[in-house]
PDB file of all heavy atoms in Angstrom:
ATOM      1  N   GLY A   1     -12.971   7.637  27.894  1.00  0.00           N
ATOM      2  CA  GLY A   1     -13.918   8.544  28.527  1.00  0.00           C
ATOM      3  C   GLY A   1     -13.715   8.707  30.021  1.00  0.00           C
ATOM      4  O   GLY A   1     -13.922   9.778  30.567  1.00  0.00           O
ATOM      5  N   SER A   2     -13.289   7.642  30.714  1.00  0.00           N
ATOM      6  CA  SER A   2     -13.069   7.702  32.159  1.00  0.00           C
ATOM      7  C   SER A   2     -11.891   6.798  32.517  1.00  0.00           C
ATOM      8  O   SER A   2     -12.079   5.650  32.928  1.00  0.00           O
ATOM      9  CB  SER A   2     -14.332   7.249  32.895  1.00  0.00           C
ATOM     10  OG  SER A   2     -14.127   7.282  34.283  1.00  0.00           O
ATOM     11  N   PRO A   3     -10.662   7.302  32.351  1.00  0.00           N
ATOM     12  CA  PRO A   3      -9.481   6.462  32.597  1.00  0.00           C
ATOM     13  C   PRO A   3      -9.439   5.737  33.950  1.00  0.00           C
ATOM     14  O   PRO A   3      -8.966   4.609  34.010  1.00  0.00           O
ATOM     15  CB  PRO A   3      -8.318   7.443  32.449  1.00  0.00           C
ATOM     16  CG  PRO A   3      -8.825   8.460  31.491  1.00  0.00           C
ATOM     17  CD  PRO A   3     -10.283   8.620  31.846  1.00  0.00           C
ATOM     18  N   PRO A   4      -9.932   6.318  35.060  1.00  0.00           N
ATOM     19  CA  PRO A   4      -9.831   5.570  36.321  1.00  0.00           C
ATOM     20  C   PRO A   4     -10.896   4.473  36.474  1.00  0.00           C
ATOM     21  O   PRO A   4     -10.871   3.720  37.448  1.00  0.00           O
ATOM     22  CB  PRO A   4     -10.011   6.645  37.394  1.00  0.00           C
ATOM     23  CG  PRO A   4     -10.819   7.702  36.732  1.00  0.00           C
ATOM     24  CD  PRO A   4     -10.400   7.685  35.285  1.00  0.00           C
ATOM     25  N   ALA A   5     -11.815   4.368  35.532  1.00  0.00           N
ATOM     26  CA  ALA A   5     -12.892   3.382  35.652  1.00  0.00           C
ATOM     27  C   ALA A   5     -12.346   1.955  35.591  1.00  0.00           C
ATOM     28  O   ALA A   5     -11.338   1.682  34.954  1.00  0.00           O
ATOM     29  CB  ALA A   5     -13.921   3.591  34.542  1.00  0.00           C
ATOM     30  N   LYS A   6     -13.025   1.079  36.268  1.00  0.00           N
ATOM     31  CA  LYS A   6     -12.720  -0.349  36.171  1.00  0.00           C
ATOM     32  C   LYS A   6     -13.687  -0.936  35.143  1.00  0.00           C
ATOM     33  O   LYS A   6     -14.838  -0.523  35.074  1.00  0.00           O
ATOM     34  CB  LYS A   6     -12.891  -1.021  37.517  1.00  0.00           C
ATOM     35  CG  LYS A   6     -11.870  -0.572  38.539  1.00  0.00           C
ATOM     36  CD  LYS A   6     -12.128  -1.231  39.869  1.00  0.00           C
ATOM     37  CE  LYS A   6     -11.082  -0.912  40.892  1.00  0.00           C
ATOM     38  NZ  LYS A   6     -10.912   0.477  41.213  1.00  0.00           N
ATOM     39  N   ILE A   7     -13.201  -1.876  34.347  1.00  0.00           N
ATOM     40  CA  ILE A   7     -14.066  -2.439  33.312  1.00  0.00           C
ATOM     41  C   ILE A   7     -14.180  -3.954  33.469  1.00  0.00           C
ATOM     42  O   ILE A   7     -13.306  -4.617  34.031  1.00  0.00           O
ATOM     43  CB  ILE A   7     -13.569  -2.111  31.897  1.00  0.00           C
ATOM     44  CG1 ILE A   7     -12.184  -2.701  31.654  1.00  0.00           C
ATOM     45  CG2 ILE A   7     -13.559  -0.618  31.652  1.00  0.00           C
ATOM     46  CD1 ILE A   7     -11.750  -2.657  30.215  1.00  0.00           C
ATOM     47  N   ALA A   8     -15.283  -4.468  32.993  1.00  0.00           N
ATOM     48  CA  ALA A   8     -15.491  -5.903  32.866  1.00  0.00           C
ATOM     49  C   ALA A   8     -15.923  -6.113  31.419  1.00  0.00           C
ATOM     50  O   ALA A   8     -16.716  -5.337  30.890  1.00  0.00           O
ATOM     51  CB  ALA A   8     -16.573  -6.382  33.825  1.00  0.00           C
ATOM     52  N   VAL A   9     -15.394  -7.123  30.785  1.00  0.00           N
ATOM     53  CA  VAL A   9     -15.712  -7.383  29.379  1.00  0.00           C
ATOM     54  C   VAL A   9     -16.432  -8.721  29.296  1.00  0.00           C
ATOM     55  O   VAL A   9     -15.988  -9.713  29.880  1.00  0.00           O
ATOM     56  CB  VAL A   9     -14.428  -7.397  28.523  1.00  0.00           C
ATOM     57  CG1 VAL A   9     -14.752  -7.718  27.080  1.00  0.00           C
ATOM     58  CG2 VAL A   9     -13.706  -6.068  28.622  1.00  0.00           C
ATOM     59  N   TYR A  10     -17.522  -8.750  28.559  1.00  0.00           N
ATOM     60  CA  TYR A  10     -18.308  -9.954  28.385  1.00  0.00           C
ATOM     61  C   TYR A  10     -18.350 -10.285  26.899  1.00  0.00           C
ATOM     62  O   TYR A  10     -18.848  -9.488  26.106  1.00  0.00           O
ATOM     63  CB  TYR A  10     -19.735  -9.745  28.912  1.00  0.00           C
ATOM     64  CG  TYR A  10     -19.760  -9.267  30.349  1.00  0.00           C
ATOM     65  CD1 TYR A  10     -19.704  -7.910  30.642  1.00  0.00           C
ATOM     66  CD2 TYR A  10     -19.806 -10.173  31.394  1.00  0.00           C
ATOM     67  CE1 TYR A  10     -19.699  -7.464  31.960  1.00  0.00           C
ATOM     68  CE2 TYR A  10     -19.818  -9.733  32.716  1.00  0.00           C
ATOM     69  CZ  TYR A  10     -19.762  -8.378  32.984  1.00  0.00           C
ATOM     70  OH  TYR A  10     -19.760  -7.943  34.283  1.00  0.00           O
ATOM     71  N   LYS A  11     -17.830 -11.424  26.523  1.00  0.00           N
ATOM     72  CA  LYS A  11     -17.804 -11.808  25.113  1.00  0.00           C
ATOM     73  C   LYS A  11     -19.145 -12.433  24.748  1.00  0.00           C
ATOM     74  O   LYS A  11     -19.568 -13.424  25.341  1.00  0.00           O
ATOM     75  CB  LYS A  11     -16.679 -12.801  24.847  1.00  0.00           C
ATOM     76  CG  LYS A  11     -16.580 -13.166  23.380  1.00  0.00           C
ATOM     77  CD  LYS A  11     -15.408 -14.055  23.095  1.00  0.00           C
ATOM     78  CE  LYS A  11     -15.396 -14.376  21.615  1.00  0.00           C
ATOM     79  NZ  LYS A  11     -14.231 -15.156  21.243  1.00  0.00           N
ATOM     80  N   VAL A  12     -19.808 -11.839  23.749  1.00  0.00           N
ATOM     81  CA  VAL A  12     -21.119 -12.347  23.347  1.00  0.00           C
ATOM     82  C   VAL A  12     -21.146 -12.845  21.900  1.00  0.00           C
ATOM     83  O   VAL A  12     -22.121 -13.448  21.490  1.00  0.00           O
ATOM     84  CB  VAL A  12     -22.232 -11.289  23.557  1.00  0.00           C
ATOM     85  CG1 VAL A  12     -22.342 -10.923  25.023  1.00  0.00           C
ATOM     86  CG2 VAL A  12     -21.985 -10.064  22.712  1.00  0.00           C
ATOM     87  N   CYS A  13     -20.103 -12.566  21.145  1.00  0.00           N
ATOM     88  CA  CYS A  13     -20.080 -12.966  19.737  1.00  0.00           C
ATOM     89  C   CYS A  13     -18.847 -13.820  19.451  1.00  0.00           C
ATOM     90  O   CYS A  13     -17.805 -13.645  20.075  1.00  0.00           O
ATOM     91  CB  CYS A  13     -20.028 -11.741  18.822  1.00  0.00           C
ATOM     92  SG  CYS A  13     -21.419 -10.620  19.019  1.00  0.00           S
ATOM     93  N   ASP A  14     -18.991 -14.711  18.488  1.00  0.00           N
ATOM     94  CA  ASP A  14     -17.831 -15.413  17.967  1.00  0.00           C
ATOM     95  C   ASP A  14     -17.687 -15.017  16.498  1.00  0.00           C
ATOM     96  O   ASP A  14     -18.342 -14.085  16.031  1.00  0.00           O
ATOM     97  CB  ASP A  14     -17.953 -16.931  18.155  1.00  0.00           C
ATOM     98  CG  ASP A  14     -19.182 -17.532  17.469  1.00  0.00           C
ATOM     99  OD1 ASP A  14     -19.679 -16.945  16.488  1.00  0.00           O
ATOM    100  OD2 ASP A  14     -19.629 -18.601  17.907  1.00  0.00           O
ATOM    101  N   GLU A  15     -16.859 -15.710  15.766  1.00  0.00           N
ATOM    102  CA  GLU A  15     -16.611 -15.339  14.370  1.00  0.00           C
ATOM    103  C   GLU A  15     -17.862 -15.465  13.502  1.00  0.00           C
ATOM    104  O   GLU A  15     -17.990 -14.814  12.473  1.00  0.00           O
ATOM    105  CB  GLU A  15     -15.502 -16.213  13.773  1.00  0.00           C
ATOM    106  CG  GLU A  15     -14.136 -15.990  14.382  1.00  0.00           C
ATOM    107  CD  GLU A  15     -13.972 -16.695  15.726  1.00  0.00           C
ATOM    108  OE1 GLU A  15     -14.648 -17.715  15.993  1.00  0.00           O
ATOM    109  OE2 GLU A  15     -13.169 -16.201  16.542  1.00  0.00           O
ATOM    110  N   ASP A  16     -18.805 -16.320  13.907  1.00  0.00           N
ATOM    111  CA  ASP A  16     -19.963 -16.611  13.069  1.00  0.00           C
ATOM    112  C   ASP A  16     -21.235 -15.889  13.465  1.00  0.00           C
ATOM    113  O   ASP A  16     -22.058 -15.562  12.617  1.00  0.00           O
ATOM    114  CB  ASP A  16     -20.245 -18.127  13.075  1.00  0.00           C
ATOM    115  CG  ASP A  16     -19.074 -18.920  12.542  1.00  0.00           C
ATOM    116  OD1 ASP A  16     -18.449 -18.462  11.572  1.00  0.00           O
ATOM    117  OD2 ASP A  16     -18.784 -19.991  13.109  1.00  0.00           O
ATOM    118  N   ASP A  17     -21.427 -15.636  14.757  1.00  0.00           N
ATOM    119  CA  ASP A  17     -22.743 -15.173  15.169  1.00  0.00           C
ATOM    120  C   ASP A  17     -22.702 -14.535  16.554  1.00  0.00           C
ATOM    121  O   ASP A  17     -21.763 -14.738  17.313  1.00  0.00           O
ATOM    122  CB  ASP A  17     -23.709 -16.364  15.193  1.00  0.00           C
ATOM    123  CG  ASP A  17     -25.162 -15.951  15.190  1.00  0.00           C
ATOM    124  OD1 ASP A  17     -25.455 -14.763  14.951  1.00  0.00           O
ATOM    125  OD2 ASP A  17     -26.020 -16.820  15.422  1.00  0.00           O
ATOM    126  N   CYS A  18     -23.732 -13.790  16.851  1.00  0.00           N
ATOM    127  CA  CYS A  18     -23.982 -13.259  18.184  1.00  0.00           C
ATOM    128  C   CYS A  18     -25.320 -13.843  18.622  1.00  0.00           C
ATOM    129  O   CYS A  18     -26.364 -13.387  18.183  1.00  0.00           O
ATOM    130  CB  CYS A  18     -24.050 -11.733  18.163  1.00  0.00           C
ATOM    131  SG  CYS A  18     -22.572 -10.932  17.553  1.00  0.00           S
ATOM    132  N   ARG A  19     -25.281 -14.850  19.443  1.00  0.00           N
ATOM    133  CA  ARG A  19     -26.499 -15.559  19.835  1.00  0.00           C
ATOM    134  C   ARG A  19     -27.255 -14.802  20.925  1.00  0.00           C
ATOM    135  O   ARG A  19     -26.668 -14.291  21.878  1.00  0.00           O
ATOM    136  CB  ARG A  19     -26.166 -16.960  20.303  1.00  0.00           C
ATOM    137  CG  ARG A  19     -25.464 -17.787  19.239  1.00  0.00           C
ATOM    138  CD  ARG A  19     -25.529 -19.252  19.580  1.00  0.00           C
ATOM    139  NE  ARG A  19     -24.703 -20.070  18.720  1.00  0.00           N
ATOM    140  CZ  ARG A  19     -24.907 -20.302  17.436  1.00  0.00           C
ATOM    141  NH1 ARG A  19     -25.911 -19.732  16.828  1.00  0.00           N
ATOM    142  NH2 ARG A  19     -24.117 -21.074  16.737  1.00  0.00           N
ATOM    143  N   SER A  20     -28.558 -14.767  20.776  1.00  0.00           N
ATOM    144  CA  SER A  20     -29.411 -14.024  21.709  1.00  0.00           C
ATOM    145  C   SER A  20     -29.254 -14.504  23.133  1.00  0.00           C
ATOM    146  O   SER A  20     -29.158 -13.701  24.066  1.00  0.00           O
ATOM    147  CB  SER A  20     -30.877 -14.147  21.285  1.00  0.00           C
ATOM    148  OG  SER A  20     -31.062 -13.579  20.025  1.00  0.00           O
ATOM    149  N   ARG A  21     -29.215 -15.811  23.346  1.00  0.00           N
ATOM    150  CA  ARG A  21     -29.135 -16.334  24.714  1.00  0.00           C
ATOM    151  C   ARG A  21     -27.826 -15.938  25.388  1.00  0.00           C
ATOM    152  O   ARG A  21     -27.792 -15.647  26.579  1.00  0.00           O
ATOM    153  CB  ARG A  21     -29.338 -17.844  24.746  1.00  0.00           C
ATOM    154  CG  ARG A  21     -28.274 -18.639  24.056  1.00  0.00           C
ATOM    155  CD  ARG A  21     -28.570 -20.153  24.123  1.00  0.00           C
ATOM    156  NE  ARG A  21     -27.634 -20.882  23.325  1.00  0.00           N
ATOM    157  CZ  ARG A  21     -26.390 -21.179  23.703  1.00  0.00           C
ATOM    158  NH1 ARG A  21     -25.959 -20.799  24.883  1.00  0.00           N
ATOM    159  NH2 ARG A  21     -25.589 -21.861  22.910  1.00  0.00           N
ATOM    160  N   ILE A  22     -26.728 -15.883  24.612  1.00  0.00           N
ATOM    161  CA  ILE A  22     -25.440 -15.487  25.184  1.00  0.00           C
ATOM    162  C   ILE A  22     -25.460 -13.992  25.515  1.00  0.00           C
ATOM    163  O   ILE A  22     -24.972 -13.564  26.559  1.00  0.00           O
ATOM    164  CB  ILE A  22     -24.286 -15.841  24.234  1.00  0.00           C
ATOM    165  CG1 ILE A  22     -24.224 -17.366  24.059  1.00  0.00           C
ATOM    166  CG2 ILE A  22     -22.968 -15.297  24.735  1.00  0.00           C
ATOM    167  CD1 ILE A  22     -23.260 -17.832  22.986  1.00  0.00           C
ATOM    168  N   LEU A  23     -26.046 -13.192  24.631  1.00  0.00           N
ATOM    169  CA  LEU A  23     -26.164 -11.755  24.873  1.00  0.00           C
ATOM    170  C   LEU A  23     -26.980 -11.490  26.141  1.00  0.00           C
ATOM    171  O   LEU A  23     -26.569 -10.706  27.008  1.00  0.00           O
ATOM    172  CB  LEU A  23     -26.813 -11.073  23.674  1.00  0.00           C
ATOM    173  CG  LEU A  23     -27.126  -9.593  23.828  1.00  0.00           C
ATOM    174  CD1 LEU A  23     -25.851  -8.776  23.890  1.00  0.00           C
ATOM    175  CD2 LEU A  23     -28.007  -9.116  22.692  1.00  0.00           C
ATOM    176  N   LEU A  24     -28.118 -12.154  26.276  1.00  0.00           N
ATOM    177  CA  LEU A  24     -28.966 -11.953  27.454  1.00  0.00           C
ATOM    178  C   LEU A  24     -28.270 -12.448  28.720  1.00  0.00           C
ATOM    179  O   LEU A  24     -28.397 -11.834  29.785  1.00  0.00           O
ATOM    180  CB  LEU A  24     -30.315 -12.637  27.254  1.00  0.00           C
ATOM    181  CG  LEU A  24     -31.189 -11.985  26.174  1.00  0.00           C
ATOM    182  CD1 LEU A  24     -32.405 -12.855  25.874  1.00  0.00           C
ATOM    183  CD2 LEU A  24     -31.601 -10.581  26.574  1.00  0.00           C
TER     184      LEU A  24
END
């Protein structure tokens, strides 16, 4: 959508679950 944009990626899920505290 915006090739010149800079991105940051935050991992919130593992193979088993997406925990609320990690998401928040």
